[in-house]
Amino acid sequence: MKYTILIQWSNEDECYVVSLPDFPDIMQPCTHGDTYEEALKNAQEVLEMLIESYLEDDQPLPEPQTLGKSLKVA
């Protein structure tokens, strides 16, 4: 499954903040990073932990939602 990771610069927090819209039950944004790359790495770690937790608790994984075409903007 492919889940959406939203990474946005936050002027207020002065870092990149990450949301996982396919997991609405968790606090959003769910992680951050000083660089885009760090935010992405942290997001992948959170996503892995969430999936492990769902599987350990015998909960069904949420179905990925399609937000549109993937696009990386520098």
PDB file of N, CA and C in Angstrom:
ATOM      1  N   MET A   1       0.841  -1.186   0.000  1.00  0.00           N
ATOM      2  CA  MET A   1       0.000   0.000   0.000  1.00  0.00           C
ATOM      3  C   MET A   1       0.882   1.243   0.000  1.00  0.00           C
ATOM      4  N   LYS A   2       0.393   2.259  -0.637  1.00  0.00           N
ATOM      5  CA  LYS A   2       1.104   3.533  -0.658  1.00  0.00           C
ATOM      6  C   LYS A   2       0.266   4.563   0.080  1.00  0.00           C
ATOM      7  N   TYR A   3       0.856   5.132   1.129  1.00  0.00           N
ATOM      8  CA  TYR A   3       0.175   6.155   1.906  1.00  0.00           C
ATOM      9  C   TYR A   3       0.741   7.531   1.570  1.00  0.00           C
ATOM     10  N   THR A   4      -0.105   8.529   1.681  1.00  0.00           N
ATOM     11  CA  THR A   4       0.286   9.903   1.395  1.00  0.00           C
ATOM     12  C   THR A   4       1.019  10.503   2.585  1.00  0.00           C
ATOM     13  N   ILE A   5       2.120  11.169   2.291  1.00  0.00           N
ATOM     14  CA  ILE A   5       2.872  11.928   3.289  1.00  0.00           C
ATOM     15  C   ILE A   5       2.868  13.378   2.817  1.00  0.00           C
ATOM     16  N   LEU A   6       2.296  14.270   3.623  1.00  0.00           N
ATOM     17  CA  LEU A   6       2.274  15.696   3.288  1.00  0.00           C
ATOM     18  C   LEU A   6       3.356  16.403   4.090  1.00  0.00           C
ATOM     19  N   ILE A   7       4.253  17.079   3.396  1.00  0.00           N
ATOM     20  CA  ILE A   7       5.330  17.818   4.048  1.00  0.00           C
ATOM     21  C   ILE A   7       5.204  19.275   3.626  1.00  0.00           C
ATOM     22  N   GLN A   8       5.099  20.157   4.618  1.00  0.00           N
ATOM     23  CA  GLN A   8       4.930  21.580   4.339  1.00  0.00           C
ATOM     24  C   GLN A   8       5.857  22.382   5.245  1.00  0.00           C
ATOM     25  N   TRP A   9       6.364  23.493   4.724  1.00  0.00           N
ATOM     26  CA  TRP A   9       7.150  24.395   5.545  1.00  0.00           C
ATOM     27  C   TRP A   9       6.205  25.189   6.441  1.00  0.00           C
ATOM     28  N   SER A  10       6.547  25.304   7.717  1.00  0.00           N
ATOM     29  CA  SER A  10       5.756  26.087   8.664  1.00  0.00           C
ATOM     30  C   SER A  10       6.572  27.295   9.105  1.00  0.00           C
ATOM     31  N   ASN A  11       6.120  28.486   8.717  1.00  0.00           N
ATOM     32  CA  ASN A  11       6.794  29.705   9.172  1.00  0.00           C
ATOM     33  C   ASN A  11       6.689  29.846  10.682  1.00  0.00           C
ATOM     34  N   GLU A  12       5.553  29.448  11.233  1.00  0.00           N
ATOM     35  CA  GLU A  12       5.327  29.549  12.674  1.00  0.00           C
ATOM     36  C   GLU A  12       6.307  28.670  13.451  1.00  0.00           C
ATOM     37  N   ASP A  13       6.489  27.430  12.995  1.00  0.00           N
ATOM     38  CA  ASP A  13       7.364  26.488  13.693  1.00  0.00           C
ATOM     39  C   ASP A  13       8.810  26.536  13.185  1.00  0.00           C
ATOM     40  N   GLU A  14       9.031  27.200  12.056  1.00  0.00           N
ATOM     41  CA  GLU A  14      10.340  27.306  11.422  1.00  0.00           C
ATOM     42  C   GLU A  14      10.961  25.934  11.146  1.00  0.00           C
ATOM     43  N   CYS A  15      10.132  25.039  10.618  1.00  0.00           N
ATOM     44  CA  CYS A  15      10.585  23.704  10.227  1.00  0.00           C
ATOM     45  C   CYS A  15       9.550  23.117   9.273  1.00  0.00           C
ATOM     46  N   TYR A  16       9.889  21.969   8.716  1.00  0.00           N
ATOM     47  CA  TYR A  16       8.941  21.241   7.872  1.00  0.00           C
ATOM     48  C   TYR A  16       8.063  20.382   8.774  1.00  0.00           C
ATOM     49  N   VAL A  17       6.759  20.484   8.614  1.00  0.00           N
ATOM     50  CA  VAL A  17       5.823  19.680   9.401  1.00  0.00           C
ATOM     51  C   VAL A  17       5.197  18.624   8.501  1.00  0.00           C
ATOM     52  N   VAL A  18       4.892  17.483   9.106  1.00  0.00           N
ATOM     53  CA  VAL A  18       4.426  16.323   8.349  1.00  0.00           C
ATOM     54  C   VAL A  18       3.049  15.897   8.830  1.00  0.00           C
ATOM     55  N   SER A  19       2.164  15.634   7.886  1.00  0.00           N
ATOM     56  CA  SER A  19       0.846  15.071   8.173  1.00  0.00           C
ATOM     57  C   SER A  19       0.680  13.777   7.392  1.00  0.00           C
ATOM     58  N   LEU A  20      -0.050  12.850   7.990  1.00  0.00           N
ATOM     59  CA  LEU A  20      -0.391  11.581   7.335  1.00  0.00           C
ATOM     60  C   LEU A  20      -1.914  11.530   7.228  1.00  0.00           C
ATOM     61  N   PRO A  21      -2.486  12.073   6.144  1.00  0.00           N
ATOM     62  CA  PRO A  21      -3.939  12.205   6.037  1.00  0.00           C
ATOM     63  C   PRO A  21      -4.702  10.886   6.015  1.00  0.00           C
ATOM     64  N   ASP A  22      -4.035   9.784   5.701  1.00  0.00           N
ATOM     65  CA  ASP A  22      -4.714   8.490   5.688  1.00  0.00           C
ATOM     66  C   ASP A  22      -4.915   7.940   7.097  1.00  0.00           C
ATOM     67  N   PHE A  23      -4.326   8.604   8.099  1.00  0.00           N
ATOM     68  CA  PHE A  23      -4.454   8.191   9.497  1.00  0.00           C
ATOM     69  C   PHE A  23      -5.069   9.345  10.290  1.00  0.00           C
ATOM     70  N   PRO A  24      -6.378   9.586  10.122  1.00  0.00           N
ATOM     71  CA  PRO A  24      -7.016  10.743  10.742  1.00  0.00           C
ATOM     72  C   PRO A  24      -7.108  10.666  12.268  1.00  0.00           C
ATOM     73  N   ASP A  25      -6.909   9.486  12.842  1.00  0.00           N
ATOM     74  CA  ASP A  25      -7.048   9.346  14.286  1.00  0.00           C
ATOM     75  C   ASP A  25      -5.807   9.772  15.058  1.00  0.00           C
ATOM     76  N   ILE A  26      -4.709  10.086  14.365  1.00  0.00           N
ATOM     77  CA  ILE A  26      -3.515  10.528  15.069  1.00  0.00           C
ATOM     78  C   ILE A  26      -3.423  12.046  15.022  1.00  0.00           C
ATOM     79  N   MET A  27      -2.699  12.617  15.982  1.00  0.00           N
ATOM     80  CA  MET A  27      -2.530  14.063  16.026  1.00  0.00           C
ATOM     81  C   MET A  27      -1.744  14.511  14.793  1.00  0.00           C
ATOM     82  N   GLN A  28      -2.219  15.558  14.147  1.00  0.00           N
ATOM     83  CA  GLN A  28      -1.567  16.087  12.952  1.00  0.00           C
ATOM     84  C   GLN A  28      -1.129  17.521  13.226  1.00  0.00           C
ATOM     85  N   PRO A  29      -0.003  17.991  12.785  1.00  0.00           N
ATOM     86  CA  PRO A  29       1.037  17.210  12.150  1.00  0.00           C
ATOM     87  C   PRO A  29       1.640  16.212  13.128  1.00  0.00           C
ATOM     88  N   CYS A  30       2.142  15.112  12.589  1.00  0.00           N
ATOM     89  CA  CYS A  30       2.591  14.013  13.439  1.00  0.00           C
ATOM     90  C   CYS A  30       4.091  14.004  13.679  1.00  0.00           C
ATOM     91  N   THR A  31       4.855  14.724  12.881  1.00  0.00           N
ATOM     92  CA  THR A  31       6.298  14.826  13.087  1.00  0.00           C
ATOM     93  C   THR A  31       6.797  16.034  12.318  1.00  0.00           C
ATOM     94  N   HIS A  32       8.090  16.266  12.366  1.00  0.00           N
ATOM     95  CA  HIS A  32       8.669  17.436  11.697  1.00  0.00           C
ATOM     96  C   HIS A  32      10.139  17.176  11.395  1.00  0.00           C
ATOM     97  N   GLY A  33      10.778  18.138  10.755  1.00  0.00           N
ATOM     98  CA  GLY A  33      12.213  18.075  10.492  1.00  0.00           C
ATOM     99  C   GLY A  33      12.731  19.443  10.115  1.00  0.00           C
ATOM    100  N   ASP A  34      14.007  19.681  10.400  1.00  0.00           N
ATOM    101  CA  ASP A  34      14.618  20.959  10.038  1.00  0.00           C
ATOM    102  C   ASP A  34      14.851  21.063   8.534  1.00  0.00           C
ATOM    103  N   THR A  35      14.984  19.911   7.864  1.00  0.00           N
ATOM    104  CA  THR A  35      15.120  19.876   6.408  1.00  0.00           C
ATOM    105  C   THR A  35      14.007  18.999   5.845  1.00  0.00           C
ATOM    106  N   TYR A  36      13.769  19.146   4.546  1.00  0.00           N
ATOM    107  CA  TYR A  36      12.762  18.308   3.887  1.00  0.00           C
ATOM    108  C   TYR A  36      13.129  16.840   4.040  1.00  0.00           C
ATOM    109  N   GLU A  37      14.405  16.532   3.853  1.00  0.00           N
ATOM    110  CA  GLU A  37      14.869  15.144   3.929  1.00  0.00           C
ATOM    111  C   GLU A  37      14.667  14.564   5.324  1.00  0.00           C
ATOM    112  N   GLU A  38      14.964  15.368   6.355  1.00  0.00           N
ATOM    113  CA  GLU A  38      14.773  14.907   7.733  1.00  0.00           C
ATOM    114  C   GLU A  38      13.288  14.681   8.022  1.00  0.00           C
ATOM    115  N   ALA A  39      12.436  15.583   7.539  1.00  0.00           N
ATOM    116  CA  ALA A  39      10.994  15.430   7.737  1.00  0.00           C
ATOM    117  C   ALA A  39      10.490  14.160   7.062  1.00  0.00           C
ATOM    118  N   LEU A  40      10.978  13.874   5.855  1.00  0.00           N
ATOM    119  CA  LEU A  40      10.570  12.667   5.142  1.00  0.00           C
ATOM    120  C   LEU A  40      11.026  11.417   5.887  1.00  0.00           C
ATOM    121  N   LYS A  41      12.261  11.411   6.365  1.00  0.00           N
ATOM    122  CA  LYS A  41      12.786  10.269   7.130  1.00  0.00           C
ATOM    123  C   LYS A  41      11.946  10.044   8.387  1.00  0.00           C
ATOM    124  N   ASN A  42      11.640  11.124   9.103  1.00  0.00           N
ATOM    125  CA  ASN A  42      10.826  11.009  10.313  1.00  0.00           C
ATOM    126  C   ASN A  42       9.421  10.517   9.982  1.00  0.00           C
ATOM    127  N   ALA A  43       8.873  10.981   8.870  1.00  0.00           N
ATOM    128  CA  ALA A  43       7.540  10.546   8.450  1.00  0.00           C
ATOM    129  C   ALA A  43       7.525   9.053   8.158  1.00  0.00           C
ATOM    130  N   GLN A  44       8.555   8.572   7.488  1.00  0.00           N
ATOM    131  CA  GLN A  44       8.631   7.146   7.171  1.00  0.00           C
ATOM    132  C   GLN A  44       8.715   6.311   8.449  1.00  0.00           C
ATOM    133  N   GLU A  45       9.459   6.801   9.446  1.00  0.00           N
ATOM    134  CA  GLU A  45       9.559   6.089  10.720  1.00  0.00           C
ATOM    135  C   GLU A  45       8.206   6.050  11.434  1.00  0.00           C
ATOM    136  N   VAL A  46       7.502   7.187  11.455  1.00  0.00           N
ATOM    137  CA  VAL A  46       6.184   7.234  12.091  1.00  0.00           C
ATOM    138  C   VAL A  46       5.224   6.299  11.369  1.00  0.00           C
ATOM    139  N   LEU A  47       5.255   6.313  10.051  1.00  0.00           N
ATOM    140  CA  LEU A  47       4.378   5.454   9.258  1.00  0.00           C
ATOM    141  C   LEU A  47       4.649   3.981   9.555  1.00  0.00           C
ATOM    142  N   GLU A  48       5.913   3.598   9.641  1.00  0.00           N
ATOM    143  CA  GLU A  48       6.261   2.214   9.975  1.00  0.00           C
ATOM    144  C   GLU A  48       5.744   1.834  11.359  1.00  0.00           C
ATOM    145  N   MET A  49       5.902   2.744  12.337  1.00  0.00           N
ATOM    146  CA  MET A  49       5.415   2.467  13.695  1.00  0.00           C
ATOM    147  C   MET A  49       3.896   2.335  13.722  1.00  0.00           C
ATOM    148  N   LEU A  50       3.204   3.194  12.972  1.00  0.00           N
ATOM    149  CA  LEU A  50       1.742   3.120  12.917  1.00  0.00           C
ATOM    150  C   LEU A  50       1.279   1.791  12.337  1.00  0.00           C
ATOM    151  N   ILE A  51       1.891   1.376  11.247  1.00  0.00           N
ATOM    152  CA  ILE A  51       1.512   0.113  10.607  1.00  0.00           C
ATOM    153  C   ILE A  51       1.767  -1.051  11.559  1.00  0.00           C
ATOM    154  N   GLU A  52       2.925  -1.062  12.219  1.00  0.00           N
ATOM    155  CA  GLU A  52       3.230  -2.117  13.194  1.00  0.00           C
ATOM    156  C   GLU A  52       2.195  -2.143  14.307  1.00  0.00           C
ATOM    157  N   SER A  53       1.824  -0.968  14.803  1.00  0.00           N
ATOM    158  CA  SER A  53       0.845  -0.877  15.885  1.00  0.00           C
ATOM    159  C   SER A  53      -0.519  -1.412  15.452  1.00  0.00           C
ATOM    160  N   TYR A  54      -0.958  -1.021  14.260  1.00  0.00           N
ATOM    161  CA  TYR A  54      -2.239  -1.518  13.745  1.00  0.00           C
ATOM    162  C   TYR A  54      -2.220  -3.039  13.647  1.00  0.00           C
ATOM    163  N   LEU A  55      -1.123  -3.585  13.116  1.00  0.00           N
ATOM    164  CA  LEU A  55      -1.035  -5.034  12.938  1.00  0.00           C
ATOM    165  C   LEU A  55      -0.976  -5.759  14.282  1.00  0.00           C
ATOM    166  N   GLU A  56      -0.222  -5.219  15.245  1.00  0.00           N
ATOM    167  CA  GLU A  56      -0.133  -5.831  16.573  1.00  0.00           C
ATOM    168  C   GLU A  56      -1.486  -5.841  17.275  1.00  0.00           C
ATOM    169  N   ASP A  57      -2.285  -4.801  17.045  1.00  0.00           N
ATOM    170  CA  ASP A  57      -3.604  -4.686  17.674  1.00  0.00           C
ATOM    171  C   ASP A  57      -4.709  -5.332  16.842  1.00  0.00           C
ATOM    172  N   ASP A  58      -4.334  -6.027  15.781  1.00  0.00           N
ATOM    173  CA  ASP A  58      -5.292  -6.663  14.870  1.00  0.00           C
ATOM    174  C   ASP A  58      -6.325  -5.683  14.332  1.00  0.00           C
ATOM    175  N   GLN A  59      -5.905  -4.448  14.095  1.00  0.00           N
ATOM    176  CA  GLN A  59      -6.784  -3.442  13.506  1.00  0.00           C
ATOM    177  C   GLN A  59      -6.540  -3.417  12.000  1.00  0.00           C
ATOM    178  N   PRO A  60      -7.594  -3.215  11.224  1.00  0.00           N
ATOM    179  CA  PRO A  60      -7.388  -3.109   9.776  1.00  0.00           C
ATOM    180  C   PRO A  60      -6.659  -1.806   9.442  1.00  0.00           C
ATOM    181  N   LEU A  61      -5.754  -1.887   8.506  1.00  0.00           N
ATOM    182  CA  LEU A  61      -5.057  -0.684   8.062  1.00  0.00           C
ATOM    183  C   LEU A  61      -6.016   0.184   7.258  1.00  0.00           C
ATOM    184  N   PRO A  62      -5.916   1.507   7.409  1.00  0.00           N
ATOM    185  CA  PRO A  62      -6.785   2.374   6.606  1.00  0.00           C
ATOM    186  C   PRO A  62      -6.451   2.250   5.123  1.00  0.00           C
ATOM    187  N   GLU A  63      -7.464   2.393   4.309  1.00  0.00           N
ATOM    188  CA  GLU A  63      -7.256   2.379   2.863  1.00  0.00           C
ATOM    189  C   GLU A  63      -6.606   3.697   2.454  1.00  0.00           C
ATOM    190  N   PRO A  64      -5.554   3.637   1.655  1.00  0.00           N
ATOM    191  CA  PRO A  64      -4.932   4.877   1.180  1.00  0.00           C
ATOM    192  C   PRO A  64      -5.918   5.692   0.348  1.00  0.00           C
ATOM    193  N   GLN A  65      -5.891   6.994   0.554  1.00  0.00           N
ATOM    194  CA  GLN A  65      -6.735   7.903  -0.209  1.00  0.00           C
ATOM    195  C   GLN A  65      -5.882   8.542  -1.293  1.00  0.00           C
ATOM    196  N   THR A  66      -6.420   8.683  -2.462  1.00  0.00           N
ATOM    197  CA  THR A  66      -5.697   9.306  -3.562  1.00  0.00           C
ATOM    198  C   THR A  66      -5.946  10.802  -3.530  1.00  0.00           C
ATOM    199  N   LEU A  67      -4.871  11.556  -3.371  1.00  0.00           N
ATOM    200  CA  LEU A  67      -4.998  13.014  -3.359  1.00  0.00           C
ATOM    201  C   LEU A  67      -4.683  13.616  -4.717  1.00  0.00           C
ATOM    202  N   GLY A  68      -4.255  12.812  -5.632  1.00  0.00           N
ATOM    203  CA  GLY A  68      -3.893  13.310  -6.952  1.00  0.00           C
ATOM    204  C   GLY A  68      -2.530  12.794  -7.336  1.00  0.00           C
ATOM    205  N   LYS A  69      -1.981  13.385  -8.324  1.00  0.00           N
ATOM    206  CA  LYS A  69      -0.688  12.967  -8.844  1.00  0.00           C
ATOM    207  C   LYS A  69       0.420  13.387  -7.882  1.00  0.00           C
ATOM    208  N   SER A  70       1.413  12.517  -7.707  1.00  0.00           N
ATOM    209  CA  SER A  70       2.555  12.850  -6.863  1.00  0.00           C
ATOM    210  C   SER A  70       3.399  13.908  -7.553  1.00  0.00           C
ATOM    211  N   LEU A  71       3.844  14.873  -6.780  1.00  0.00           N
ATOM    212  CA  LEU A  71       4.653  15.948  -7.321  1.00  0.00           C
ATOM    213  C   LEU A  71       5.577  16.448  -6.238  1.00  0.00           C
ATOM    214  N   LYS A  72       6.862  16.510  -6.540  1.00  0.00           N
ATOM    215  CA  LYS A  72       7.825  17.053  -5.594  1.00  0.00           C
ATOM    216  C   LYS A  72       8.169  18.458  -6.040  1.00  0.00           C
ATOM    217  N   VAL A  73       8.029  19.404  -5.135  1.00  0.00           N
ATOM    218  CA  VAL A  73       8.331  20.794  -5.431  1.00  0.00           C
ATOM    219  C   VAL A  73       9.502  21.213  -4.557  1.00  0.00           C
ATOM    220  N   ALA A  74      10.506  21.772  -5.162  1.00  0.00           N
ATOM    221  CA  ALA A  74      11.700  22.181  -4.408  1.00  0.00           C
ATOM    222  C   ALA A  74      11.451  23.454  -3.642  1.00  0.00           C
TER     223      ALA A  74
END
